[in-house]
């Protein structure tokens, strides 16, 4: 992690959604629904961003994620039910 990135914790529901429909990069990606107006793309640190295997077991579940923001996504370092 970059030294200037501070850890934060967010609570919400992980939902996998289809993205890039109809393109070669079409896939299902995880998002954290914090509220109706706050939906954050998630990536698990050191995971394959095209598979997201570490997050699949949390699909549809209420979680608490710890990590940091990078560009327009949230990099997850820890996840709890």
PDB file of N, CA and C in Angstrom:
ATOM      1  N   UNK A   1       0.847  -1.177   0.000  1.00  0.00           N
ATOM      2  CA  UNK A   1       0.000   0.000   0.000  1.00  0.00           C
ATOM      3  C   UNK A   1       0.889   1.236   0.000  1.00  0.00           C
ATOM      4  N   UNK A   2       0.458   2.246  -0.707  1.00  0.00           N
ATOM      5  CA  UNK A   2       1.214   3.488  -0.699  1.00  0.00           C
ATOM      6  C   UNK A   2       1.181   4.097   0.694  1.00  0.00           C
ATOM      7  N   UNK A   3       2.279   4.704   1.102  1.00  0.00           N
ATOM      8  CA  UNK A   3       2.381   5.287   2.434  1.00  0.00           C
ATOM      9  C   UNK A   3       1.356   6.399   2.669  1.00  0.00           C
ATOM     10  N   UNK A   4       0.948   7.103   1.609  1.00  0.00           N
ATOM     11  CA  UNK A   4       0.038   8.225   1.776  1.00  0.00           C
ATOM     12  C   UNK A   4      -1.433   7.818   1.691  1.00  0.00           C
ATOM     13  N   UNK A   5      -1.741   6.554   1.576  1.00  0.00           N
ATOM     14  CA  UNK A   5      -3.120   6.082   1.534  1.00  0.00           C
ATOM     15  C   UNK A   5      -3.536   5.657   2.932  1.00  0.00           C
ATOM     16  N   UNK A   6      -4.637   6.218   3.409  1.00  0.00           N
ATOM     17  CA  UNK A   6      -5.092   5.858   4.741  1.00  0.00           C
ATOM     18  C   UNK A   6      -6.206   4.820   4.647  1.00  0.00           C
ATOM     19  N   UNK A   7      -6.186   3.896   5.587  1.00  0.00           N
ATOM     20  CA  UNK A   7      -7.203   2.850   5.633  1.00  0.00           C
ATOM     21  C   UNK A   7      -8.517   3.427   6.119  1.00  0.00           C
ATOM     22  N   UNK A   8      -9.604   2.925   5.568  1.00  0.00           N
ATOM     23  CA  UNK A   8     -10.931   3.287   6.039  1.00  0.00           C
ATOM     24  C   UNK A   8     -11.794   2.035   6.011  1.00  0.00           C
ATOM     25  N   UNK A   9     -12.887   2.082   6.753  1.00  0.00           N
ATOM     26  CA  UNK A   9     -13.819   0.958   6.809  1.00  0.00           C
ATOM     27  C   UNK A   9     -15.186   1.426   6.341  1.00  0.00           C
ATOM     28  N   UNK A  10     -15.816   0.610   5.498  1.00  0.00           N
ATOM     29  CA  UNK A  10     -17.159   0.907   5.006  1.00  0.00           C
ATOM     30  C   UNK A  10     -18.033  -0.319   5.207  1.00  0.00           C
ATOM     31  N   UNK A  11     -19.320  -0.083   5.422  1.00  0.00           N
ATOM     32  CA  UNK A  11     -20.288  -1.161   5.584  1.00  0.00           C
ATOM     33  C   UNK A  11     -21.297  -1.105   4.449  1.00  0.00           C
ATOM     34  N   UNK A  12     -21.707  -2.265   3.971  1.00  0.00           N
ATOM     35  CA  UNK A  12     -22.698  -2.317   2.914  1.00  0.00           C
ATOM     36  C   UNK A  12     -22.902  -3.740   2.436  1.00  0.00           C
ATOM     37  N   UNK A  13     -23.562  -3.867   1.298  1.00  0.00           N
ATOM     38  CA  UNK A  13     -23.861  -5.170   0.707  1.00  0.00           C
ATOM     39  C   UNK A  13     -23.078  -5.321  -0.584  1.00  0.00           C
ATOM     40  N   UNK A  14     -22.388  -6.457  -0.720  1.00  0.00           N
ATOM     41  CA  UNK A  14     -21.656  -6.728  -1.958  1.00  0.00           C
ATOM     42  C   UNK A  14     -22.619  -7.336  -2.968  1.00  0.00           C
ATOM     43  N   UNK A  15     -22.641  -6.729  -4.157  1.00  0.00           N
ATOM     44  CA  UNK A  15     -23.463  -7.225  -5.254  1.00  0.00           C
ATOM     45  C   UNK A  15     -22.582  -7.317  -6.493  1.00  0.00           C
ATOM     46  N   UNK A  16     -22.584  -8.478  -7.151  1.00  0.00           N
ATOM     47  CA  UNK A  16     -21.875  -8.624  -8.415  1.00  0.00           C
ATOM     48  C   UNK A  16     -22.809  -8.209  -9.549  1.00  0.00           C
ATOM     49  N   UNK A  17     -22.293  -7.397 -10.464  1.00  0.00           N
ATOM     50  CA  UNK A  17     -23.070  -6.923 -11.604  1.00  0.00           C
ATOM     51  C   UNK A  17     -22.302  -7.168 -12.891  1.00  0.00           C
ATOM     52  N   UNK A  18     -23.066  -7.388 -13.969  1.00  0.00           N
ATOM     53  CA  UNK A  18     -22.451  -7.497 -15.286  1.00  0.00           C
ATOM     54  C   UNK A  18     -21.996  -6.114 -15.736  1.00  0.00           C
ATOM     55  N   UNK A  19     -20.776  -6.037 -16.246  1.00  0.00           N
ATOM     56  CA  UNK A  19     -20.235  -4.774 -16.766  1.00  0.00           C
ATOM     57  C   UNK A  19     -19.682  -5.010 -18.169  1.00  0.00           C
ATOM     58  N   UNK A  20     -19.573  -3.953 -18.935  1.00  0.00           N
ATOM     59  CA  UNK A  20     -19.038  -4.003 -20.297  1.00  0.00           C
ATOM     60  C   UNK A  20     -19.788  -5.014 -21.161  1.00  0.00           C
ATOM     61  N   UNK A  21     -21.109  -5.048 -21.021  1.00  0.00           N
ATOM     62  CA  UNK A  21     -21.943  -6.013 -21.734  1.00  0.00           C
ATOM     63  C   UNK A  21     -21.781  -5.848 -23.239  1.00  0.00           C
ATOM     64  N   UNK A  22     -21.555  -6.969 -23.915  1.00  0.00           N
ATOM     65  CA  UNK A  22     -21.408  -6.968 -25.367  1.00  0.00           C
ATOM     66  C   UNK A  22     -19.987  -6.751 -25.857  1.00  0.00           C
ATOM     67  N   UNK A  23     -19.061  -6.536 -24.944  1.00  0.00           N
ATOM     68  CA  UNK A  23     -17.667  -6.329 -25.363  1.00  0.00           C
ATOM     69  C   UNK A  23     -16.824  -7.543 -24.988  1.00  0.00           C
ATOM     70  N   UNK A  24     -15.586  -7.562 -25.466  1.00  0.00           N
ATOM     71  CA  UNK A  24     -14.669  -8.651 -25.109  1.00  0.00           C
ATOM     72  C   UNK A  24     -14.365  -8.669 -23.625  1.00  0.00           C
ATOM     73  N   UNK A  25     -14.491  -7.515 -22.971  1.00  0.00           N
ATOM     74  CA  UNK A  25     -14.175  -7.436 -21.540  1.00  0.00           C
ATOM     75  C   UNK A  25     -15.421  -7.583 -20.653  1.00  0.00           C
ATOM     76  N   UNK A  26     -16.511  -8.117 -21.215  1.00  0.00           N
ATOM     77  CA  UNK A  26     -17.718  -8.339 -20.420  1.00  0.00           C
ATOM     78  C   UNK A  26     -17.415  -9.314 -19.275  1.00  0.00           C
ATOM     79  N   UNK A  27     -17.854  -8.961 -18.073  1.00  0.00           N
ATOM     80  CA  UNK A  27     -17.640  -9.822 -16.911  1.00  0.00           C
ATOM     81  C   UNK A  27     -18.538  -9.361 -15.762  1.00  0.00           C
ATOM     82  N   UNK A  28     -18.480 -10.111 -14.661  1.00  0.00           N
ATOM     83  CA  UNK A  28     -19.221  -9.738 -13.456  1.00  0.00           C
ATOM     84  C   UNK A  28     -18.226  -9.163 -12.461  1.00  0.00           C
ATOM     85  N   UNK A  29     -18.529  -7.984 -11.959  1.00  0.00           N
ATOM     86  CA  UNK A  29     -17.630  -7.304 -11.019  1.00  0.00           C
ATOM     87  C   UNK A  29     -18.376  -6.988  -9.732  1.00  0.00           C
ATOM     88  N   UNK A  30     -17.630  -6.967  -8.612  1.00  0.00           N
ATOM     89  CA  UNK A  30     -18.246  -6.681  -7.319  1.00  0.00           C
ATOM     90  C   UNK A  30     -18.336  -5.181  -7.024  1.00  0.00           C
ATOM     91  N   UNK A  31     -19.462  -4.803  -6.425  1.00  0.00           N
ATOM     92  CA  UNK A  31     -19.690  -3.434  -5.983  1.00  0.00           C
ATOM     93  C   UNK A  31     -20.186  -3.482  -4.548  1.00  0.00           C
ATOM     94  N   UNK A  32     -19.826  -2.483  -3.761  1.00  0.00           N
ATOM     95  CA  UNK A  32     -20.337  -2.357  -2.406  1.00  0.00           C
ATOM     96  C   UNK A  32     -21.445  -1.312  -2.428  1.00  0.00           C
ATOM     97  N   UNK A  33     -22.655  -1.741  -2.075  1.00  0.00           N
ATOM     98  CA  UNK A  33     -23.791  -0.827  -1.970  1.00  0.00           C
ATOM     99  C   UNK A  33     -23.834  -0.313  -0.539  1.00  0.00           C
ATOM    100  N   UNK A  34     -23.289   0.876  -0.343  1.00  0.00           N
ATOM    101  CA  UNK A  34     -23.270   1.513   0.971  1.00  0.00           C
ATOM    102  C   UNK A  34     -24.636   2.130   1.238  1.00  0.00           C
ATOM    103  N   UNK A  35     -25.196   2.775   0.212  1.00  0.00           N
ATOM    104  CA  UNK A  35     -26.547   3.332   0.254  1.00  0.00           C
ATOM    105  C   UNK A  35     -27.028   3.402  -1.191  1.00  0.00           C
ATOM    106  N   UNK A  36     -28.251   3.831  -1.368  1.00  0.00           N
ATOM    107  CA  UNK A  36     -28.804   3.915  -2.712  1.00  0.00           C
ATOM    108  C   UNK A  36     -27.973   4.840  -3.601  1.00  0.00           C
ATOM    109  N   UNK A  37     -27.394   5.869  -3.017  1.00  0.00           N
ATOM    110  CA  UNK A  37     -26.623   6.848  -3.775  1.00  0.00           C
ATOM    111  C   UNK A  37     -25.112   6.630  -3.711  1.00  0.00           C
ATOM    112  N   UNK A  38     -24.676   5.628  -2.985  1.00  0.00           N
ATOM    113  CA  UNK A  38     -23.236   5.395  -2.810  1.00  0.00           C
ATOM    114  C   UNK A  38     -22.914   3.938  -3.141  1.00  0.00           C
ATOM    115  N   UNK A  39     -22.482   3.718  -4.386  1.00  0.00           N
ATOM    116  CA  UNK A  39     -22.118   2.379  -4.869  1.00  0.00           C
ATOM    117  C   UNK A  39     -20.650   2.439  -5.270  1.00  0.00           C
ATOM    118  N   UNK A  40     -19.839   1.565  -4.665  1.00  0.00           N
ATOM    119  CA  UNK A  40     -18.391   1.636  -4.825  1.00  0.00           C
ATOM    120  C   UNK A  40     -17.857   0.351  -5.474  1.00  0.00           C
ATOM    121  N   UNK A  41     -17.119   0.458  -6.592  1.00  0.00           N
ATOM    122  CA  UNK A  41     -16.482  -0.724  -7.173  1.00  0.00           C
ATOM    123  C   UNK A  41     -15.418  -1.263  -6.213  1.00  0.00           C
ATOM    124  N   UNK A  42     -15.382  -2.591  -6.066  1.00  0.00           N
ATOM    125  CA  UNK A  42     -14.441  -3.230  -5.143  1.00  0.00           C
ATOM    126  C   UNK A  42     -13.412  -4.072  -5.881  1.00  0.00           C
ATOM    127  N   UNK A  43     -12.223  -4.125  -5.312  1.00  0.00           N
ATOM    128  CA  UNK A  43     -11.180  -5.040  -5.751  1.00  0.00           C
ATOM    129  C   UNK A  43     -10.473  -5.547  -4.510  1.00  0.00           C
ATOM    130  N   UNK A  44     -10.214  -6.846  -4.452  1.00  0.00           N
ATOM    131  CA  UNK A  44      -9.486  -7.433  -3.335  1.00  0.00           C
ATOM    132  C   UNK A  44      -7.999  -7.306  -3.626  1.00  0.00           C
ATOM    133  N   UNK A  45      -7.259  -6.759  -2.678  1.00  0.00           N
ATOM    134  CA  UNK A  45      -5.818  -6.572  -2.856  1.00  0.00           C
ATOM    135  C   UNK A  45      -5.156  -7.908  -3.196  1.00  0.00           C
ATOM    136  N   UNK A  46      -4.254  -7.894  -4.171  1.00  0.00           N
ATOM    137  CA  UNK A  46      -3.483  -9.065  -4.624  1.00  0.00           C
ATOM    138  C   UNK A  46      -4.352 -10.151  -5.250  1.00  0.00           C
ATOM    139  N   UNK A  47      -5.529  -9.803  -5.724  1.00  0.00           N
ATOM    140  CA  UNK A  47      -6.428 -10.767  -6.363  1.00  0.00           C
ATOM    141  C   UNK A  47      -6.486 -10.487  -7.861  1.00  0.00           C
ATOM    142  N   UNK A  48      -6.916 -11.472  -8.619  1.00  0.00           N
ATOM    143  CA  UNK A  48      -7.125 -11.287 -10.049  1.00  0.00           C
ATOM    144  C   UNK A  48      -8.379 -10.434 -10.242  1.00  0.00           C
ATOM    145  N   UNK A  49      -8.266  -9.209 -10.771  1.00  0.00           N
ATOM    146  CA  UNK A  49      -9.425  -8.319 -10.884  1.00  0.00           C
ATOM    147  C   UNK A  49     -10.462  -8.787 -11.895  1.00  0.00           C
ATOM    148  N   UNK A  50     -10.133  -9.773 -12.726  1.00  0.00           N
ATOM    149  CA  UNK A  50     -11.091 -10.288 -13.695  1.00  0.00           C
ATOM    150  C   UNK A  50     -11.878 -11.467 -13.146  1.00  0.00           C
ATOM    151  N   UNK A  51     -11.421 -12.068 -12.048  1.00  0.00           N
ATOM    152  CA  UNK A  51     -12.113 -13.210 -11.461  1.00  0.00           C
ATOM    153  C   UNK A  51     -12.770 -12.876 -10.127  1.00  0.00           C
ATOM    154  N   UNK A  52     -12.095 -12.103  -9.288  1.00  0.00           N
ATOM    155  CA  UNK A  52     -12.635 -11.696  -7.984  1.00  0.00           C
ATOM    156  C   UNK A  52     -13.090 -12.876  -7.122  1.00  0.00           C
ATOM    157  N   UNK A  53     -12.359 -13.987  -7.205  1.00  0.00           N
ATOM    158  CA  UNK A  53     -12.753 -15.202  -6.481  1.00  0.00           C
ATOM    159  C   UNK A  53     -12.881 -15.001  -4.977  1.00  0.00           C
ATOM    160  N   UNK A  54     -12.018 -14.180  -4.400  1.00  0.00           N
ATOM    161  CA  UNK A  54     -12.042 -13.977  -2.954  1.00  0.00           C
ATOM    162  C   UNK A  54     -13.304 -13.248  -2.484  1.00  0.00           C
ATOM    163  N   UNK A  55     -13.964 -12.526  -3.388  1.00  0.00           N
ATOM    164  CA  UNK A  55     -15.168 -11.774  -3.004  1.00  0.00           C
ATOM    165  C   UNK A  55     -16.464 -12.490  -3.362  1.00  0.00           C
ATOM    166  N   UNK A  56     -16.408 -13.523  -4.198  1.00  0.00           N
ATOM    167  CA  UNK A  56     -17.628 -14.196  -4.664  1.00  0.00           C
ATOM    168  C   UNK A  56     -18.458 -14.777  -3.525  1.00  0.00           C
ATOM    169  N   UNK A  57     -17.816 -15.284  -2.492  1.00  0.00           N
ATOM    170  CA  UNK A  57     -18.564 -15.882  -1.381  1.00  0.00           C
ATOM    171  C   UNK A  57     -19.380 -14.845  -0.602  1.00  0.00           C
ATOM    172  N   UNK A  58     -19.090 -13.561  -0.804  1.00  0.00           N
ATOM    173  CA  UNK A  58     -19.798 -12.496  -0.091  1.00  0.00           C
ATOM    174  C   UNK A  58     -20.903 -11.859  -0.928  1.00  0.00           C
ATOM    175  N   UNK A  59     -21.131 -12.361  -2.143  1.00  0.00           N
ATOM    176  CA  UNK A  59     -22.155 -11.807  -3.029  1.00  0.00           C
ATOM    177  C   UNK A  59     -23.525 -11.847  -2.345  1.00  0.00           C
ATOM    178  N   UNK A  60     -24.157 -10.679  -2.253  1.00  0.00           N
ATOM    179  CA  UNK A  60     -25.483 -10.571  -1.635  1.00  0.00           C
ATOM    180  C   UNK A  60     -25.464 -10.464  -0.127  1.00  0.00           C
ATOM    181  N   UNK A  61     -24.283 -10.379   0.475  1.00  0.00           N
ATOM    182  CA  UNK A  61     -24.174 -10.351   1.936  1.00  0.00           C
ATOM    183  C   UNK A  61     -23.771  -8.978   2.449  1.00  0.00           C
ATOM    184  N   UNK A  62     -24.255  -8.667   3.640  1.00  0.00           N
ATOM    185  CA  UNK A  62     -23.885  -7.437   4.346  1.00  0.00           C
ATOM    186  C   UNK A  62     -22.494  -7.651   4.940  1.00  0.00           C
ATOM    187  N   UNK A  63     -21.576  -6.718   4.655  1.00  0.00           N
ATOM    188  CA  UNK A  63     -20.189  -6.872   5.098  1.00  0.00           C
ATOM    189  C   UNK A  63     -19.635  -5.551   5.615  1.00  0.00           C
ATOM    190  N   UNK A  64     -18.485  -5.676   6.244  1.00  0.00           N
ATOM    191  CA  UNK A  64     -17.669  -4.531   6.627  1.00  0.00           C
ATOM    192  C   UNK A  64     -16.335  -4.728   5.929  1.00  0.00           C
ATOM    193  N   UNK A  65     -15.957  -3.771   5.080  1.00  0.00           N
ATOM    194  CA  UNK A  65     -14.697  -3.880   4.348  1.00  0.00           C
ATOM    195  C   UNK A  65     -13.732  -2.794   4.805  1.00  0.00           C
ATOM    196  N   UNK A  66     -12.482  -3.173   4.942  1.00  0.00           N
ATOM    197  CA  UNK A  66     -11.421  -2.233   5.283  1.00  0.00           C
ATOM    198  C   UNK A  66     -10.465  -2.196   4.112  1.00  0.00           C
ATOM    199  N   UNK A  67      -9.991  -1.002   3.792  1.00  0.00           N
ATOM    200  CA  UNK A  67      -9.068  -0.849   2.694  1.00  0.00           C
ATOM    201  C   UNK A  67      -8.828   0.609   2.404  1.00  0.00           C
ATOM    202  N   UNK A  68      -8.549   0.917   1.146  1.00  0.00           N
ATOM    203  CA  UNK A  68      -8.256   2.292   0.764  1.00  0.00           C
ATOM    204  C   UNK A  68      -8.771   2.555  -0.646  1.00  0.00           C
ATOM    205  N   UNK A  69      -9.031   3.813  -0.911  1.00  0.00           N
ATOM    206  CA  UNK A  69      -9.505   4.228  -2.235  1.00  0.00           C
ATOM    207  C   UNK A  69      -8.306   4.422  -3.160  1.00  0.00           C
ATOM    208  N   UNK A  70      -8.487   3.957  -4.387  1.00  0.00           N
ATOM    209  CA  UNK A  70      -7.472   4.123  -5.413  1.00  0.00           C
ATOM    210  C   UNK A  70      -8.202   4.374  -6.727  1.00  0.00           C
ATOM    211  N   UNK A  71      -7.953   5.521  -7.317  1.00  0.00           N
ATOM    212  CA  UNK A  71      -8.715   5.966  -8.474  1.00  0.00           C
ATOM    213  C   UNK A  71     -10.193   5.951  -8.091  1.00  0.00           C
ATOM    214  N   UNK A  72     -11.041   5.307  -8.832  1.00  0.00           N
ATOM    215  CA  UNK A  72     -12.479   5.327  -8.508  1.00  0.00           C
ATOM    216  C   UNK A  72     -12.942   4.009  -7.923  1.00  0.00           C
ATOM    217  N   UNK A  73     -12.032   3.273  -7.299  1.00  0.00           N
ATOM    218  CA  UNK A  73     -12.398   1.977  -6.715  1.00  0.00           C
ATOM    219  C   UNK A  73     -11.883   1.882  -5.278  1.00  0.00           C
ATOM    220  N   UNK A  74     -12.375   0.880  -4.576  1.00  0.00           N
ATOM    221  CA  UNK A  74     -11.960   0.644  -3.201  1.00  0.00           C
ATOM    222  C   UNK A  74     -11.182  -0.666  -3.169  1.00  0.00           C
ATOM    223  N   UNK A  75      -9.945  -0.598  -2.734  1.00  0.00           N
ATOM    224  CA  UNK A  75      -9.083  -1.782  -2.644  1.00  0.00           C
ATOM    225  C   UNK A  75      -9.267  -2.404  -1.264  1.00  0.00           C
ATOM    226  N   UNK A  76      -9.811  -3.606  -1.224  1.00  0.00           N
ATOM    227  CA  UNK A  76     -10.134  -4.279   0.039  1.00  0.00           C
ATOM    228  C   UNK A  76      -8.915  -5.003   0.573  1.00  0.00           C
ATOM    229  N   UNK A  77      -8.563  -4.722   1.838  1.00  0.00           N
ATOM    230  CA  UNK A  77      -7.482  -5.441   2.494  1.00  0.00           C
ATOM    231  C   UNK A  77      -8.013  -6.430   3.529  1.00  0.00           C
ATOM    232  N   UNK A  78      -9.256  -6.188   4.001  1.00  0.00           N
ATOM    233  CA  UNK A  78      -9.889  -7.076   4.999  1.00  0.00           C
ATOM    234  C   UNK A  78     -11.390  -6.999   4.813  1.00  0.00           C
ATOM    235  N   UNK A  79     -12.051  -8.135   5.031  1.00  0.00           N
ATOM    236  CA  UNK A  79     -13.502  -8.183   4.888  1.00  0.00           C
ATOM    237  C   UNK A  79     -14.095  -9.037   6.001  1.00  0.00           C
ATOM    238  N   UNK A  80     -15.191  -8.579   6.581  1.00  0.00           N
ATOM    239  CA  UNK A  80     -15.856  -9.300   7.668  1.00  0.00           C
ATOM    240  C   UNK A  80     -17.358  -9.305   7.421  1.00  0.00           C
ATOM    241  N   UNK A  81     -17.988 -10.406   7.803  1.00  0.00           N
ATOM    242  CA  UNK A  81     -19.452 -10.475   7.742  1.00  0.00           C
ATOM    243  C   UNK A  81     -20.055  -9.709   8.875  1.00  0.00           C
TER     244      UNK A  81
END
